[in-house]
PDB file of N, CA and C in Angstrom:
ATOM      1  N   UNK A   1     -15.655 -34.887  -8.358  1.00  0.00           N
ATOM      2  CA  UNK A   1     -14.918 -34.542  -7.171  1.00  0.00           C
ATOM      3  C   UNK A   1     -15.287 -33.107  -6.761  1.00  0.00           C
ATOM      4  N   UNK A   2     -15.594 -32.925  -5.502  1.00  0.00           N
ATOM      5  CA  UNK A   2     -15.949 -31.616  -4.987  1.00  0.00           C
ATOM      6  C   UNK A   2     -14.703 -30.946  -4.435  1.00  0.00           C
ATOM      7  N   UNK A   3     -14.505 -29.716  -4.884  1.00  0.00           N
ATOM      8  CA  UNK A   3     -13.364 -28.948  -4.391  1.00  0.00           C
ATOM      9  C   UNK A   3     -13.828 -28.027  -3.273  1.00  0.00           C
ATOM     10  N   UNK A   4     -13.076 -28.035  -2.210  1.00  0.00           N
ATOM     11  CA  UNK A   4     -13.349 -27.123  -1.107  1.00  0.00           C
ATOM     12  C   UNK A   4     -12.210 -26.131  -1.015  1.00  0.00           C
ATOM     13  N   UNK A   5     -12.567 -24.902  -1.071  1.00  0.00           N
ATOM     14  CA  UNK A   5     -11.554 -23.867  -0.930  1.00  0.00           C
ATOM     15  C   UNK A   5     -11.648 -23.293   0.467  1.00  0.00           C
ATOM     16  N   UNK A   6     -10.502 -23.134   1.075  1.00  0.00           N
ATOM     17  CA  UNK A   6     -10.453 -22.543   2.403  1.00  0.00           C
ATOM     18  C   UNK A   6     -10.682 -21.035   2.269  1.00  0.00           C
ATOM     19  N   UNK A   7     -11.638 -20.553   3.011  1.00  0.00           N
ATOM     20  CA  UNK A   7     -11.928 -19.112   2.979  1.00  0.00           C
ATOM     21  C   UNK A   7     -10.811 -18.366   3.692  1.00  0.00           C
ATOM     22  N   UNK A   8     -10.283 -17.382   3.025  1.00  0.00           N
ATOM     23  CA  UNK A   8      -9.243 -16.550   3.607  1.00  0.00           C
ATOM     24  C   UNK A   8      -9.883 -15.226   3.974  1.00  0.00           C
ATOM     25  N   UNK A   9      -9.823 -14.907   5.247  1.00  0.00           N
ATOM     26  CA  UNK A   9     -10.404 -13.642   5.693  1.00  0.00           C
ATOM     27  C   UNK A   9      -9.361 -12.544   5.583  1.00  0.00           C
ATOM     28  N   UNK A  10      -9.727 -11.479   4.910  1.00  0.00           N
ATOM     29  CA  UNK A  10      -8.847 -10.325   4.767  1.00  0.00           C
ATOM     30  C   UNK A  10      -9.185  -9.364   5.910  1.00  0.00           C
ATOM     31  N   UNK A  11      -8.199  -9.078   6.722  1.00  0.00           N
ATOM     32  CA  UNK A  11      -8.417  -8.187   7.862  1.00  0.00           C
ATOM     33  C   UNK A  11      -8.660  -6.762   7.401  1.00  0.00           C
ATOM     34  N   UNK A  12      -9.493  -6.078   8.129  1.00  0.00           N
ATOM     35  CA  UNK A  12      -9.742  -4.673   7.845  1.00  0.00           C
ATOM     36  C   UNK A  12      -8.450  -3.883   8.046  1.00  0.00           C
ATOM     37  N   UNK A  13      -8.164  -2.943   7.146  1.00  0.00           N
ATOM     38  CA  UNK A  13      -6.959  -2.126   7.305  1.00  0.00           C
ATOM     39  C   UNK A  13      -7.133  -1.019   8.356  1.00  0.00           C
ATOM     40  N   UNK A  14      -8.277  -0.966   9.021  1.00  0.00           N
ATOM     41  CA  UNK A  14      -8.552   0.075  10.013  1.00  0.00           C
ATOM     42  C   UNK A  14      -7.497   0.067  11.112  1.00  0.00           C
ATOM     43  N   UNK A  15      -6.991   1.259  11.425  1.00  0.00           N
ATOM     44  CA  UNK A  15      -6.000   1.406  12.501  1.00  0.00           C
ATOM     45  C   UNK A  15      -6.572   2.248  13.650  1.00  0.00           C
ATOM     46  N   UNK A  16      -7.875   2.461  13.652  1.00  0.00           N
ATOM     47  CA  UNK A  16      -8.581   3.206  14.697  1.00  0.00           C
ATOM     48  C   UNK A  16      -8.040   4.627  14.868  1.00  0.00           C
ATOM     49  N   UNK A  17      -7.714   5.248  13.731  1.00  0.00           N
ATOM     50  CA  UNK A  17      -7.247   6.632  13.717  1.00  0.00           C
ATOM     51  C   UNK A  17      -8.008   7.354  12.617  1.00  0.00           C
ATOM     52  N   UNK A  18      -9.320   7.380  12.765  1.00  0.00           N
ATOM     53  CA  UNK A  18     -10.204   7.852  11.707  1.00  0.00           C
ATOM     54  C   UNK A  18     -10.268   9.376  11.624  1.00  0.00           C
ATOM     55  N   UNK A  19      -9.988   9.861  10.444  1.00  0.00           N
ATOM     56  CA  UNK A  19     -10.089  11.287  10.156  1.00  0.00           C
ATOM     57  C   UNK A  19     -10.158  11.418   8.637  1.00  0.00           C
ATOM     58  N   UNK A  20     -11.287  11.885   8.127  1.00  0.00           N
ATOM     59  CA  UNK A  20     -11.460  11.973   6.676  1.00  0.00           C
ATOM     60  C   UNK A  20     -10.878  13.276   6.142  1.00  0.00           C
ATOM     61  N   UNK A  21     -10.200  13.163   4.990  1.00  0.00           N
ATOM     62  CA  UNK A  21      -9.707  14.367   4.320  1.00  0.00           C
ATOM     63  C   UNK A  21     -10.813  14.924   3.419  1.00  0.00           C
ATOM     64  N   UNK A  22     -10.504  15.917   2.640  1.00  0.00           N
ATOM     65  CA  UNK A  22     -11.515  16.554   1.785  1.00  0.00           C
ATOM     66  C   UNK A  22     -12.022  15.652   0.660  1.00  0.00           C
ATOM     67  N   UNK A  23     -11.287  14.572   0.383  1.00  0.00           N
ATOM     68  CA  UNK A  23     -11.710  13.604  -0.634  1.00  0.00           C
ATOM     69  C   UNK A  23     -12.448  12.419  -0.020  1.00  0.00           C
ATOM     70  N   UNK A  24     -12.772  12.516   1.278  1.00  0.00           N
ATOM     71  CA  UNK A  24     -13.429  11.432   2.024  1.00  0.00           C
ATOM     72  C   UNK A  24     -12.568  10.180   2.126  1.00  0.00           C
ATOM     73  N   UNK A  25     -11.258  10.382   2.214  1.00  0.00           N
ATOM     74  CA  UNK A  25     -10.313   9.292   2.435  1.00  0.00           C
ATOM     75  C   UNK A  25      -9.893   9.354   3.898  1.00  0.00           C
ATOM     76  N   UNK A  26      -9.957   8.216   4.585  1.00  0.00           N
ATOM     77  CA  UNK A  26      -9.522   8.155   5.972  1.00  0.00           C
ATOM     78  C   UNK A  26      -8.001   8.261   6.011  1.00  0.00           C
ATOM     79  N   UNK A  27      -7.485   9.175   6.806  1.00  0.00           N
ATOM     80  CA  UNK A  27      -6.043   9.384   6.889  1.00  0.00           C
ATOM     81  C   UNK A  27      -5.364   8.356   7.800  1.00  0.00           C
ATOM     82  N   UNK A  28      -6.144   7.480   8.408  1.00  0.00           N
ATOM     83  CA  UNK A  28      -5.584   6.389   9.200  1.00  0.00           C
ATOM     84  C   UNK A  28      -5.333   5.154   8.348  1.00  0.00           C
ATOM     85  N   UNK A  29      -6.376   4.700   7.657  1.00  0.00           N
ATOM     86  CA  UNK A  29      -6.262   3.460   6.868  1.00  0.00           C
ATOM     87  C   UNK A  29      -6.239   3.701   5.360  1.00  0.00           C
ATOM     88  N   UNK A  30      -6.543   4.920   4.948  1.00  0.00           N
ATOM     89  CA  UNK A  30      -6.540   5.325   3.532  1.00  0.00           C
ATOM     90  C   UNK A  30      -7.643   4.674   2.700  1.00  0.00           C
ATOM     91  N   UNK A  31      -8.738   4.296   3.370  1.00  0.00           N
ATOM     92  CA  UNK A  31      -9.914   3.830   2.630  1.00  0.00           C
ATOM     93  C   UNK A  31     -10.850   5.010   2.393  1.00  0.00           C
ATOM     94  N   UNK A  32     -11.568   4.961   1.279  1.00  0.00           N
ATOM     95  CA  UNK A  32     -12.620   5.939   1.007  1.00  0.00           C
ATOM     96  C   UNK A  32     -13.797   5.596   1.919  1.00  0.00           C
ATOM     97  N   UNK A  33     -14.580   6.599   2.274  1.00  0.00           N
ATOM     98  CA  UNK A  33     -15.716   6.382   3.171  1.00  0.00           C
ATOM     99  C   UNK A  33     -16.647   5.289   2.642  1.00  0.00           C
ATOM    100  N   UNK A  34     -16.838   5.221   1.331  1.00  0.00           N
ATOM    101  CA  UNK A  34     -17.699   4.177   0.755  1.00  0.00           C
ATOM    102  C   UNK A  34     -17.103   2.784   0.959  1.00  0.00           C
ATOM    103  N   UNK A  35     -15.778   2.687   0.900  1.00  0.00           N
ATOM    104  CA  UNK A  35     -15.113   1.399   1.138  1.00  0.00           C
ATOM    105  C   UNK A  35     -15.237   0.991   2.604  1.00  0.00           C
ATOM    106  N   UNK A  36     -15.162   1.970   3.491  1.00  0.00           N
ATOM    107  CA  UNK A  36     -15.302   1.680   4.920  1.00  0.00           C
ATOM    108  C   UNK A  36     -16.703   1.148   5.206  1.00  0.00           C
ATOM    109  N   UNK A  37     -17.703   1.838   4.676  1.00  0.00           N
ATOM    110  CA  UNK A  37     -19.090   1.448   4.927  1.00  0.00           C
ATOM    111  C   UNK A  37     -19.448   0.096   4.302  1.00  0.00           C
ATOM    112  N   UNK A  38     -18.844  -0.233   3.171  1.00  0.00           N
ATOM    113  CA  UNK A  38     -19.180  -1.473   2.460  1.00  0.00           C
ATOM    114  C   UNK A  38     -18.290  -2.654   2.856  1.00  0.00           C
ATOM    115  N   UNK A  39     -17.256  -2.426   3.658  1.00  0.00           N
ATOM    116  CA  UNK A  39     -16.251  -3.453   3.949  1.00  0.00           C
ATOM    117  C   UNK A  39     -16.865  -4.791   4.360  1.00  0.00           C
ATOM    118  N   UNK A  40     -17.812  -4.770   5.269  1.00  0.00           N
ATOM    119  CA  UNK A  40     -18.375  -6.024   5.782  1.00  0.00           C
ATOM    120  C   UNK A  40     -19.125  -6.819   4.715  1.00  0.00           C
ATOM    121  N   UNK A  41     -19.526  -6.160   3.640  1.00  0.00           N
ATOM    122  CA  UNK A  41     -20.255  -6.840   2.567  1.00  0.00           C
ATOM    123  C   UNK A  41     -19.364  -7.259   1.399  1.00  0.00           C
ATOM    124  N   UNK A  42     -18.111  -6.803   1.409  1.00  0.00           N
ATOM    125  CA  UNK A  42     -17.203  -7.146   0.314  1.00  0.00           C
ATOM    126  C   UNK A  42     -16.793  -8.609   0.369  1.00  0.00           C
ATOM    127  N   UNK A  43     -16.612  -9.175  -0.799  1.00  0.00           N
ATOM    128  CA  UNK A  43     -16.040 -10.517  -0.911  1.00  0.00           C
ATOM    129  C   UNK A  43     -14.524 -10.387  -0.821  1.00  0.00           C
ATOM    130  N   UNK A  44     -13.851 -11.502  -0.637  1.00  0.00           N
ATOM    131  CA  UNK A  44     -12.402 -11.513  -0.452  1.00  0.00           C
ATOM    132  C   UNK A  44     -11.680 -10.771  -1.569  1.00  0.00           C
ATOM    133  N   UNK A  45     -12.041 -11.007  -2.821  1.00  0.00           N
ATOM    134  CA  UNK A  45     -11.371 -10.345  -3.945  1.00  0.00           C
ATOM    135  C   UNK A  45     -11.560  -8.831  -3.899  1.00  0.00           C
ATOM    136  N   UNK A  46     -12.747  -8.390  -3.503  1.00  0.00           N
ATOM    137  CA  UNK A  46     -13.007  -6.955  -3.397  1.00  0.00           C
ATOM    138  C   UNK A  46     -12.171  -6.333  -2.276  1.00  0.00           C
ATOM    139  N   UNK A  47     -12.035  -7.063  -1.170  1.00  0.00           N
ATOM    140  CA  UNK A  47     -11.220  -6.574  -0.054  1.00  0.00           C
ATOM    141  C   UNK A  47      -9.751  -6.453  -0.469  1.00  0.00           C
ATOM    142  N   UNK A  48      -9.278  -7.405  -1.256  1.00  0.00           N
ATOM    143  CA  UNK A  48      -7.892  -7.340  -1.737  1.00  0.00           C
ATOM    144  C   UNK A  48      -7.669  -6.093  -2.589  1.00  0.00           C
ATOM    145  N   UNK A  49      -8.645  -5.770  -3.427  1.00  0.00           N
ATOM    146  CA  UNK A  49      -8.555  -4.577  -4.273  1.00  0.00           C
ATOM    147  C   UNK A  49      -8.497  -3.324  -3.399  1.00  0.00           C
ATOM    148  N   UNK A  50      -9.327  -3.269  -2.371  1.00  0.00           N
ATOM    149  CA  UNK A  50      -9.349  -2.112  -1.478  1.00  0.00           C
ATOM    150  C   UNK A  50      -8.022  -1.980  -0.733  1.00  0.00           C
ATOM    151  N   UNK A  51      -7.501  -3.088  -0.214  1.00  0.00           N
ATOM    152  CA  UNK A  51      -6.233  -3.048   0.518  1.00  0.00           C
ATOM    153  C   UNK A  51      -5.109  -2.559  -0.400  1.00  0.00           C
ATOM    154  N   UNK A  52      -5.092  -3.019  -1.632  1.00  0.00           N
ATOM    155  CA  UNK A  52      -4.093  -2.565  -2.600  1.00  0.00           C
ATOM    156  C   UNK A  52      -4.234  -1.066  -2.856  1.00  0.00           C
ATOM    157  N   UNK A  53      -5.468  -0.607  -2.995  1.00  0.00           N
ATOM    158  CA  UNK A  53      -5.715   0.826  -3.203  1.00  0.00           C
ATOM    159  C   UNK A  53      -5.237   1.626  -1.988  1.00  0.00           C
ATOM    160  N   UNK A  54      -5.448   1.098  -0.786  1.00  0.00           N
ATOM    161  CA  UNK A  54      -4.995   1.776   0.434  1.00  0.00           C
ATOM    162  C   UNK A  54      -3.481   1.927   0.446  1.00  0.00           C
ATOM    163  N   UNK A  55      -2.787   0.879   0.065  1.00  0.00           N
ATOM    164  CA  UNK A  55      -1.322   0.917   0.010  1.00  0.00           C
ATOM    165  C   UNK A  55      -0.860   1.978  -0.980  1.00  0.00           C
ATOM    166  N   UNK A  56      -1.509   2.019  -2.142  1.00  0.00           N
ATOM    167  CA  UNK A  56      -1.151   3.009  -3.158  1.00  0.00           C
ATOM    168  C   UNK A  56      -1.462   4.431  -2.692  1.00  0.00           C
ATOM    169  N   UNK A  57      -2.601   4.612  -2.034  1.00  0.00           N
ATOM    170  CA  UNK A  57      -2.958   5.946  -1.528  1.00  0.00           C
ATOM    171  C   UNK A  57      -1.978   6.411  -0.458  1.00  0.00           C
ATOM    172  N   UNK A  58      -1.594   5.500   0.436  1.00  0.00           N
ATOM    173  CA  UNK A  58      -0.644   5.849   1.494  1.00  0.00           C
ATOM    174  C   UNK A  58       0.693   6.264   0.887  1.00  0.00           C
ATOM    175  N   UNK A  59       1.179   5.493  -0.100  1.00  0.00           N
ATOM    176  CA  UNK A  59       2.456   5.812  -0.757  1.00  0.00           C
ATOM    177  C   UNK A  59       2.379   7.169  -1.444  1.00  0.00           C
ATOM    178  N   UNK A  60       1.277   7.433  -2.112  1.00  0.00           N
ATOM    179  CA  UNK A  60       1.090   8.716  -2.793  1.00  0.00           C
ATOM    180  C   UNK A  60       1.074   9.860  -1.782  1.00  0.00           C
ATOM    181  N   UNK A  61       0.397   9.662  -0.662  1.00  0.00           N
ATOM    182  CA  UNK A  61       0.334  10.685   0.375  1.00  0.00           C
ATOM    183  C   UNK A  61       1.728  10.964   0.950  1.00  0.00           C
ATOM    184  N   UNK A  62       2.500   9.908   1.172  1.00  0.00           N
ATOM    185  CA  UNK A  62       3.850  10.083   1.716  1.00  0.00           C
ATOM    186  C   UNK A  62       4.753  10.818   0.725  1.00  0.00           C
ATOM    187  N   UNK A  63       4.598  10.524  -0.571  1.00  0.00           N
ATOM    188  CA  UNK A  63       5.378  11.229  -1.594  1.00  0.00           C
ATOM    189  C   UNK A  63       5.021  12.714  -1.617  1.00  0.00           C
ATOM    190  N   UNK A  64       3.735  13.029  -1.504  1.00  0.00           N
ATOM    191  CA  UNK A  64       3.300  14.430  -1.488  1.00  0.00           C
ATOM    192  C   UNK A  64       3.865  15.158  -0.271  1.00  0.00           C
ATOM    193  N   UNK A  65       3.835  14.509   0.891  1.00  0.00           N
ATOM    194  CA  UNK A  65       4.383  15.121   2.105  1.00  0.00           C
ATOM    195  C   UNK A  65       5.876  15.383   1.946  1.00  0.00           C
ATOM    196  N   UNK A  66       6.584  14.419   1.385  1.00  0.00           N
ATOM    197  CA  UNK A  66       8.023  14.570   1.183  1.00  0.00           C
ATOM    198  C   UNK A  66       8.314  15.719   0.224  1.00  0.00           C
ATOM    199  N   UNK A  67       7.548  15.824  -0.840  1.00  0.00           N
ATOM    200  CA  UNK A  67       7.729  16.917  -1.800  1.00  0.00           C
ATOM    201  C   UNK A  67       7.496  18.268  -1.138  1.00  0.00           C
ATOM    202  N   UNK A  68       6.454  18.360  -0.304  1.00  0.00           N
ATOM    203  CA  UNK A  68       6.179  19.616   0.410  1.00  0.00           C
ATOM    204  C   UNK A  68       7.325  19.963   1.359  1.00  0.00           C
ATOM    205  N   UNK A  69       7.851  18.959   2.042  1.00  0.00           N
ATOM    206  CA  UNK A  69       8.968  19.202   2.960  1.00  0.00           C
ATOM    207  C   UNK A  69      10.189  19.717   2.208  1.00  0.00           C
ATOM    208  N   UNK A  70      10.447  19.134   1.044  1.00  0.00           N
ATOM    209  CA  UNK A  70      11.591  19.580   0.248  1.00  0.00           C
ATOM    210  C   UNK A  70      11.389  21.013  -0.223  1.00  0.00           C
ATOM    211  N   UNK A  71      10.186  21.342  -0.656  1.00  0.00           N
ATOM    212  CA  UNK A  71       9.893  22.694  -1.121  1.00  0.00           C
ATOM    213  C   UNK A  71      10.005  23.719   0.005  1.00  0.00           C
ATOM    214  N   UNK A  72       9.632  23.303   1.204  1.00  0.00           N
ATOM    215  CA  UNK A  72       9.655  24.215   2.348  1.00  0.00           C
ATOM    216  C   UNK A  72      11.003  24.237   3.068  1.00  0.00           C
ATOM    217  N   UNK A  73      11.939  23.430   2.589  1.00  0.00           N
ATOM    218  CA  UNK A  73      13.263  23.391   3.201  1.00  0.00           C
ATOM    219  C   UNK A  73      13.307  22.619   4.518  1.00  0.00           C
ATOM    220  N   UNK A  74      12.287  21.807   4.766  1.00  0.00           N
ATOM    221  CA  UNK A  74      12.223  21.026   6.005  1.00  0.00           C
ATOM    222  C   UNK A  74      12.721  19.600   5.846  1.00  0.00           C
ATOM    223  N   UNK A  75      13.203  19.260   4.669  1.00  0.00           N
ATOM    224  CA  UNK A  75      13.616  17.895   4.403  1.00  0.00           C
ATOM    225  C   UNK A  75      15.064  17.693   4.833  1.00  0.00           C
ATOM    226  N   UNK A  76      15.276  16.640   5.584  1.00  0.00           N
ATOM    227  CA  UNK A  76      16.638  16.307   6.023  1.00  0.00           C
ATOM    228  C   UNK A  76      16.896  14.837   5.781  1.00  0.00           C
ATOM    229  N   UNK A  77      18.052  14.522   5.259  1.00  0.00           N
ATOM    230  CA  UNK A  77      18.429  13.121   5.093  1.00  0.00           C
ATOM    231  C   UNK A  77      19.017  12.625   6.386  1.00  0.00           C
ATOM    232  N   UNK A  78      18.925  11.351   6.603  1.00  0.00           N
ATOM    233  CA  UNK A  78      19.450  10.764   7.852  1.00  0.00           C
ATOM    234  C   UNK A  78      20.920  10.538   7.793  1.00  0.00           C
TER     235      UNK A  78
END
């Protein structure tokens, strides 16, 4: 019996707000420049790994911003 798997396309996390930081991470989608350049050649599993890394990088960046705001006295609770 032949199994056919439906190909699932993972959308690019690009948000068209490209600006690289000093670590070559895009501050729009949080992909490394190498991940951006290789995206079209990645297989689905590789794209999933990159998307997960982007989510983690974004969360880390937001935590750092929040910490800086607290240190500078700019943090306000809602």
